[in-house]
Amino acid sequence: MGKRKSAAKPPPKKRMDKLDTVFSCPFCNHGSSVECRIDMKNLIGEANCRICQESFSTTVNALTEPIDM
């Protein structure tokens, strides 16, 4: 005679927290002043500081996140 199969529950799915899109500026050191935007249509990523008006733009791909810029 064989044993009964145990009713094992599947492991719970891990929830990924969203990454920040607002950072401190490396030029003026003002906290939460740099906002990152990614335009996947034109494949351009932009980071702009609201305080010192410094900006940076680069090309992006499908794996690029705001923290990467």
PDB file of N, CA and C in Angstrom:
ATOM      1  N   MET A   1       0.835  -1.182   0.000  1.00  0.00           N
ATOM      2  CA  MET A   1       0.000   0.000   0.000  1.00  0.00           C
ATOM      3  C   MET A   1       0.884   1.252   0.000  1.00  0.00           C
ATOM      4  N   GLY A   2       0.435   2.246  -0.736  1.00  0.00           N
ATOM      5  CA  GLY A   2       1.194   3.490  -0.835  1.00  0.00           C
ATOM      6  C   GLY A   2       0.667   4.568   0.104  1.00  0.00           C
ATOM      7  N   LYS A   3       1.495   5.549   0.348  1.00  0.00           N
ATOM      8  CA  LYS A   3       1.089   6.669   1.196  1.00  0.00           C
ATOM      9  C   LYS A   3       0.258   7.656   0.392  1.00  0.00           C
ATOM     10  N   ARG A   4      -0.522   8.435   1.115  1.00  0.00           N
ATOM     11  CA  ARG A   4      -1.287   9.488   0.465  1.00  0.00           C
ATOM     12  C   ARG A   4      -0.360  10.668   0.174  1.00  0.00           C
ATOM     13  N   LYS A   5      -0.646  11.355  -0.905  1.00  0.00           N
ATOM     14  CA  LYS A   5       0.155  12.529  -1.245  1.00  0.00           C
ATOM     15  C   LYS A   5      -0.216  13.678  -0.317  1.00  0.00           C
ATOM     16  N   SER A   6       0.799  14.414   0.124  1.00  0.00           N
ATOM     17  CA  SER A   6       0.532  15.555   0.991  1.00  0.00           C
ATOM     18  C   SER A   6       0.047  16.734   0.142  1.00  0.00           C
ATOM     19  N   ALA A   7      -0.798  17.527   0.728  1.00  0.00           N
ATOM     20  CA  ALA A   7      -1.341  18.692   0.028  1.00  0.00           C
ATOM     21  C   ALA A   7      -0.415  19.872   0.295  1.00  0.00           C
ATOM     22  N   ALA A   8       0.686  19.942  -0.429  1.00  0.00           N
ATOM     23  CA  ALA A   8       1.656  21.021  -0.239  1.00  0.00           C
ATOM     24  C   ALA A   8       1.160  22.275  -0.948  1.00  0.00           C
ATOM     25  N   LYS A   9       1.203  23.390  -0.224  1.00  0.00           N
ATOM     26  CA  LYS A   9       0.796  24.655  -0.808  1.00  0.00           C
ATOM     27  C   LYS A   9       1.974  25.243  -1.580  1.00  0.00           C
ATOM     28  N   PRO A  10       1.696  25.932  -2.698  1.00  0.00           N
ATOM     29  CA  PRO A  10       2.798  26.572  -3.428  1.00  0.00           C
ATOM     30  C   PRO A  10       3.360  27.717  -2.583  1.00  0.00           C
ATOM     31  N   PRO A  11       4.648  28.007  -2.731  1.00  0.00           N
ATOM     32  CA  PRO A  11       5.231  29.098  -1.947  1.00  0.00           C
ATOM     33  C   PRO A  11       4.617  30.438  -2.351  1.00  0.00           C
ATOM     34  N   PRO A  12       4.490  31.388  -1.407  1.00  0.00           N
ATOM     35  CA  PRO A  12       3.894  32.684  -1.753  1.00  0.00           C
ATOM     36  C   PRO A  12       4.796  33.454  -2.693  1.00  0.00           C
ATOM     37  N   LYS A  13       4.172  34.246  -3.568  1.00  0.00           N
ATOM     38  CA  LYS A  13       4.927  35.029  -4.531  1.00  0.00           C
ATOM     39  C   LYS A  13       5.595  36.204  -3.824  1.00  0.00           C
ATOM     40  N   LYS A  14       6.840  36.478  -4.191  1.00  0.00           N
ATOM     41  CA  LYS A  14       7.564  37.592  -3.604  1.00  0.00           C
ATOM     42  C   LYS A  14       7.125  38.883  -4.279  1.00  0.00           C
ATOM     43  N   ARG A  15       6.868  39.894  -3.476  1.00  0.00           N
ATOM     44  CA  ARG A  15       6.437  41.180  -4.001  1.00  0.00           C
ATOM     45  C   ARG A  15       7.642  42.095  -4.136  1.00  0.00           C
ATOM     46  N   MET A  16       7.858  42.622  -5.327  1.00  0.00           N
ATOM     47  CA  MET A  16       8.974  43.521  -5.574  1.00  0.00           C
ATOM     48  C   MET A  16       8.538  44.954  -5.259  1.00  0.00           C
ATOM     49  N   ASP A  17       9.322  45.644  -4.436  1.00  0.00           N
ATOM     50  CA  ASP A  17       9.051  47.041  -4.157  1.00  0.00           C
ATOM     51  C   ASP A  17       9.518  47.887  -5.333  1.00  0.00           C
ATOM     52  N   LYS A  18       8.791  48.963  -5.589  1.00  0.00           N
ATOM     53  CA  LYS A  18       9.165  49.841  -6.692  1.00  0.00           C
ATOM     54  C   LYS A  18      10.388  50.653  -6.304  1.00  0.00           C
ATOM     55  N   LEU A  19      11.247  50.906  -7.282  1.00  0.00           N
ATOM     56  CA  LEU A  19      12.439  51.707  -7.049  1.00  0.00           C
ATOM     57  C   LEU A  19      12.094  53.185  -7.072  1.00  0.00           C
ATOM     58  N   ASP A  20      12.902  53.988  -6.384  1.00  0.00           N
ATOM     59  CA  ASP A  20      12.679  55.423  -6.344  1.00  0.00           C
ATOM     60  C   ASP A  20      12.953  56.059  -7.705  1.00  0.00           C
ATOM     61  N   THR A  21      12.276  57.176  -7.964  1.00  0.00           N
ATOM     62  CA  THR A  21      12.547  57.962  -9.167  1.00  0.00           C
ATOM     63  C   THR A  21      13.054  59.355  -8.802  1.00  0.00           C
ATOM     64  N   VAL A  22      13.158  59.659  -7.500  1.00  0.00           N
ATOM     65  CA  VAL A  22      13.638  60.950  -7.024  1.00  0.00           C
ATOM     66  C   VAL A  22      14.862  60.711  -6.148  1.00  0.00           C
ATOM     67  N   PHE A  23      15.950  61.453  -6.414  1.00  0.00           N
ATOM     68  CA  PHE A  23      17.211  61.251  -5.727  1.00  0.00           C
ATOM     69  C   PHE A  23      17.795  62.588  -5.281  1.00  0.00           C
ATOM     70  N   SER A  24      18.899  62.526  -4.515  1.00  0.00           N
ATOM     71  CA  SER A  24      19.607  63.748  -4.141  1.00  0.00           C
ATOM     72  C   SER A  24      20.566  64.122  -5.266  1.00  0.00           C
ATOM     73  N   CYS A  25      20.798  65.406  -5.437  1.00  0.00           N
ATOM     74  CA  CYS A  25      21.627  65.911  -6.533  1.00  0.00           C
ATOM     75  C   CYS A  25      23.114  65.760  -6.192  1.00  0.00           C
ATOM     76  N   PRO A  26      23.921  65.196  -7.088  1.00  0.00           N
ATOM     77  CA  PRO A  26      25.360  65.075  -6.813  1.00  0.00           C
ATOM     78  C   PRO A  26      26.108  66.398  -6.955  1.00  0.00           C
ATOM     79  N   PHE A  27      25.498  67.416  -7.577  1.00  0.00           N
ATOM     80  CA  PHE A  27      26.165  68.703  -7.777  1.00  0.00           C
ATOM     81  C   PHE A  27      25.891  69.668  -6.621  1.00  0.00           C
ATOM     82  N   CYS A  28      24.613  69.824  -6.242  1.00  0.00           N
ATOM     83  CA  CYS A  28      24.278  70.776  -5.176  1.00  0.00           C
ATOM     84  C   CYS A  28      23.976  70.091  -3.846  1.00  0.00           C
ATOM     85  N   ASN A  29      23.972  68.763  -3.813  1.00  0.00           N
ATOM     86  CA  ASN A  29      23.720  67.959  -2.604  1.00  0.00           C
ATOM     87  C   ASN A  29      22.383  68.268  -1.944  1.00  0.00           C
ATOM     88  N   HIS A  30      21.423  68.698  -2.701  1.00  0.00           N
ATOM     89  CA  HIS A  30      20.087  68.950  -2.168  1.00  0.00           C
ATOM     90  C   HIS A  30      19.299  67.645  -2.230  1.00  0.00           C
ATOM     91  N   GLY A  31      18.684  67.255  -1.133  1.00  0.00           N
ATOM     92  CA  GLY A  31      17.959  65.986  -1.084  1.00  0.00           C
ATOM     93  C   GLY A  31      16.660  66.006  -1.852  1.00  0.00           C
ATOM     94  N   SER A  32      16.347  64.944  -2.510  1.00  0.00           N
ATOM     95  CA  SER A  32      15.094  64.749  -3.257  1.00  0.00           C
ATOM     96  C   SER A  32      14.833  65.831  -4.288  1.00  0.00           C
ATOM     97  N   SER A  33      15.859  66.235  -5.002  1.00  0.00           N
ATOM     98  CA  SER A  33      15.661  67.307  -5.991  1.00  0.00           C
ATOM     99  C   SER A  33      15.838  66.815  -7.423  1.00  0.00           C
ATOM    100  N   VAL A  34      16.418  65.648  -7.632  1.00  0.00           N
ATOM    101  CA  VAL A  34      16.634  65.134  -8.983  1.00  0.00           C
ATOM    102  C   VAL A  34      15.508  64.174  -9.333  1.00  0.00           C
ATOM    103  N   GLU A  35      14.842  64.457 -10.429  1.00  0.00           N
ATOM    104  CA  GLU A  35      13.747  63.615 -10.901  1.00  0.00           C
ATOM    105  C   GLU A  35      14.178  62.938 -12.200  1.00  0.00           C
ATOM    106  N   CYS A  36      13.991  61.633 -12.278  1.00  0.00           N
ATOM    107  CA  CYS A  36      14.383  60.857 -13.462  1.00  0.00           C
ATOM    108  C   CYS A  36      13.140  60.465 -14.246  1.00  0.00           C
ATOM    109  N   ARG A  37      13.214  60.656 -15.559  1.00  0.00           N
ATOM    110  CA  ARG A  37      12.130  60.260 -16.449  1.00  0.00           C
ATOM    111  C   ARG A  37      12.715  59.433 -17.585  1.00  0.00           C
ATOM    112  N   ILE A  38      12.019  58.351 -17.938  1.00  0.00           N
ATOM    113  CA  ILE A  38      12.465  57.480 -19.023  1.00  0.00           C
ATOM    114  C   ILE A  38      11.388  57.463 -20.100  1.00  0.00           C
ATOM    115  N   ASP A  39      11.776  57.826 -21.306  1.00  0.00           N
ATOM    116  CA  ASP A  39      10.878  57.820 -22.457  1.00  0.00           C
ATOM    117  C   ASP A  39      11.233  56.609 -23.308  1.00  0.00           C
ATOM    118  N   MET A  40      10.437  55.541 -23.188  1.00  0.00           N
ATOM    119  CA  MET A  40      10.737  54.303 -23.907  1.00  0.00           C
ATOM    120  C   MET A  40      10.406  54.408 -25.395  1.00  0.00           C
ATOM    121  N   LYS A  41       9.555  55.359 -25.792  1.00  0.00           N
ATOM    122  CA  LYS A  41       9.260  55.538 -27.218  1.00  0.00           C
ATOM    123  C   LYS A  41      10.482  56.031 -27.971  1.00  0.00           C
ATOM    124  N   ASN A  42      11.159  57.035 -27.389  1.00  0.00           N
ATOM    125  CA  ASN A  42      12.324  57.630 -28.040  1.00  0.00           C
ATOM    126  C   ASN A  42      13.639  57.078 -27.509  1.00  0.00           C
ATOM    127  N   LEU A  43      13.572  56.148 -26.531  1.00  0.00           N
ATOM    128  CA  LEU A  43      14.753  55.521 -25.918  1.00  0.00           C
ATOM    129  C   LEU A  43      15.712  56.554 -25.315  1.00  0.00           C
ATOM    130  N   ILE A  44      15.120  57.523 -24.573  1.00  0.00           N
ATOM    131  CA  ILE A  44      15.916  58.566 -23.928  1.00  0.00           C
ATOM    132  C   ILE A  44      15.552  58.614 -22.447  1.00  0.00           C
ATOM    133  N   GLY A  45      16.576  58.701 -21.604  1.00  0.00           N
ATOM    134  CA  GLY A  45      16.378  58.876 -20.174  1.00  0.00           C
ATOM    135  C   GLY A  45      16.916  60.226 -19.749  1.00  0.00           C
ATOM    136  N   GLU A  46      16.166  60.953 -18.914  1.00  0.00           N
ATOM    137  CA  GLU A  46      16.562  62.288 -18.485  1.00  0.00           C
ATOM    138  C   GLU A  46      16.543  62.368 -16.971  1.00  0.00           C
ATOM    139  N   ALA A  47      17.555  63.045 -16.408  1.00  0.00           N
ATOM    140  CA  ALA A  47      17.612  63.339 -14.983  1.00  0.00           C
ATOM    141  C   ALA A  47      17.799  64.843 -14.836  1.00  0.00           C
ATOM    142  N   ASN A  48      16.874  65.512 -14.140  1.00  0.00           N
ATOM    143  CA  ASN A  48      16.899  66.968 -13.991  1.00  0.00           C
ATOM    144  C   ASN A  48      16.831  67.345 -12.519  1.00  0.00           C
ATOM    145  N   CYS A  49      17.680  68.296 -12.108  1.00  0.00           N
ATOM    146  CA  CYS A  49      17.649  68.839 -10.751  1.00  0.00           C
ATOM    147  C   CYS A  49      16.771  70.082 -10.750  1.00  0.00           C
ATOM    148  N   ARG A  50      15.837  70.146  -9.792  1.00  0.00           N
ATOM    149  CA  ARG A  50      14.937  71.297  -9.711  1.00  0.00           C
ATOM    150  C   ARG A  50      15.596  72.503  -9.063  1.00  0.00           C
ATOM    151  N   ILE A  51      16.666  72.296  -8.311  1.00  0.00           N
ATOM    152  CA  ILE A  51      17.296  73.391  -7.576  1.00  0.00           C
ATOM    153  C   ILE A  51      18.355  74.084  -8.433  1.00  0.00           C
ATOM    154  N   CYS A  52      19.366  73.317  -8.892  1.00  0.00           N
ATOM    155  CA  CYS A  52      20.473  73.937  -9.629  1.00  0.00           C
ATOM    156  C   CYS A  52      20.304  73.853 -11.152  1.00  0.00           C
ATOM    157  N   GLN A  53      19.201  73.287 -11.634  1.00  0.00           N
ATOM    158  CA  GLN A  53      18.874  73.193 -13.056  1.00  0.00           C
ATOM    159  C   GLN A  53      19.886  72.370 -13.852  1.00  0.00           C
ATOM    160  N   GLU A  54      20.651  71.515 -13.190  1.00  0.00           N
ATOM    161  CA  GLU A  54      21.584  70.620 -13.883  1.00  0.00           C
ATOM    162  C   GLU A  54      20.772  69.492 -14.517  1.00  0.00           C
ATOM    163  N   SER A  55      21.156  69.070 -15.730  1.00  0.00           N
ATOM    164  CA  SER A  55      20.419  68.002 -16.407  1.00  0.00           C
ATOM    165  C   SER A  55      21.389  67.016 -17.034  1.00  0.00           C
ATOM    166  N   PHE A  56      20.899  65.794 -17.233  1.00  0.00           N
ATOM    167  CA  PHE A  56      21.682  64.723 -17.836  1.00  0.00           C
ATOM    168  C   PHE A  56      20.731  63.865 -18.637  1.00  0.00           C
ATOM    169  N   SER A  57      21.126  63.495 -19.857  1.00  0.00           N
ATOM    170  CA  SER A  57      20.301  62.603 -20.668  1.00  0.00           C
ATOM    171  C   SER A  57      21.185  61.539 -21.298  1.00  0.00           C
ATOM    172  N   THR A  58      20.612  60.377 -21.493  1.00  0.00           N
ATOM    173  CA  THR A  58      21.345  59.243 -22.051  1.00  0.00           C
ATOM    174  C   THR A  58      20.373  58.328 -22.777  1.00  0.00           C
ATOM    175  N   THR A  59      20.913  57.429 -23.574  1.00  0.00           N
ATOM    176  CA  THR A  59      20.085  56.436 -24.249  1.00  0.00           C
ATOM    177  C   THR A  59      19.779  55.317 -23.263  1.00  0.00           C
ATOM    178  N   VAL A  60      18.616  54.716 -23.415  1.00  0.00           N
ATOM    179  CA  VAL A  60      18.177  53.657 -22.512  1.00  0.00           C
ATOM    180  C   VAL A  60      17.794  52.425 -23.315  1.00  0.00           C
ATOM    181  N   ASN A  61      17.644  51.312 -22.592  1.00  0.00           N
ATOM    182  CA  ASN A  61      17.129  50.084 -23.203  1.00  0.00           C
ATOM    183  C   ASN A  61      15.993  49.558 -22.334  1.00  0.00           C
ATOM    184  N   ALA A  62      15.502  48.375 -22.603  1.00  0.00           N
ATOM    185  CA  ALA A  62      14.343  47.840 -21.905  1.00  0.00           C
ATOM    186  C   ALA A  62      14.635  47.538 -20.438  1.00  0.00           C
ATOM    187  N   LEU A  63      15.891  47.335 -20.075  1.00  0.00           N
ATOM    188  CA  LEU A  63      16.245  46.978 -18.704  1.00  0.00           C
ATOM    189  C   LEU A  63      16.633  48.175 -17.853  1.00  0.00           C
ATOM    190  N   THR A  64      16.664  49.362 -18.401  1.00  0.00           N
ATOM    191  CA  THR A  64      17.108  50.550 -17.678  1.00  0.00           C
ATOM    192  C   THR A  64      16.065  50.991 -16.647  1.00  0.00           C
ATOM    193  N   GLU A  65      16.515  51.283 -15.442  1.00  0.00           N
ATOM    194  CA  GLU A  65      15.677  51.783 -14.363  1.00  0.00           C
ATOM    195  C   GLU A  65      16.149  53.196 -14.011  1.00  0.00           C
ATOM    196  N   PRO A  66      15.311  54.012 -13.341  1.00  0.00           N
ATOM    197  CA  PRO A  66      15.727  55.366 -12.977  1.00  0.00           C
ATOM    198  C   PRO A  66      16.993  55.402 -12.107  1.00  0.00           C
ATOM    199  N   ILE A  67      17.194  54.404 -11.287  1.00  0.00           N
ATOM    200  CA  ILE A  67      18.381  54.389 -10.427  1.00  0.00           C
ATOM    201  C   ILE A  67      19.659  54.165 -11.238  1.00  0.00           C
ATOM    202  N   ASP A  68      19.546  53.623 -12.443  1.00  0.00           N
ATOM    203  CA  ASP A  68      20.715  53.365 -13.290  1.00  0.00           C
ATOM    204  C   ASP A  68      21.281  54.643 -13.891  1.00  0.00           C
ATOM    205  N   MET A  69      20.464  55.668 -14.032  1.00  0.00           N
ATOM    206  CA  MET A  69      20.939  56.905 -14.661  1.00  0.00           C
ATOM    207  C   MET A  69      21.722  57.702 -13.666  1.00  0.00           C
TER     208      MET A  69
END
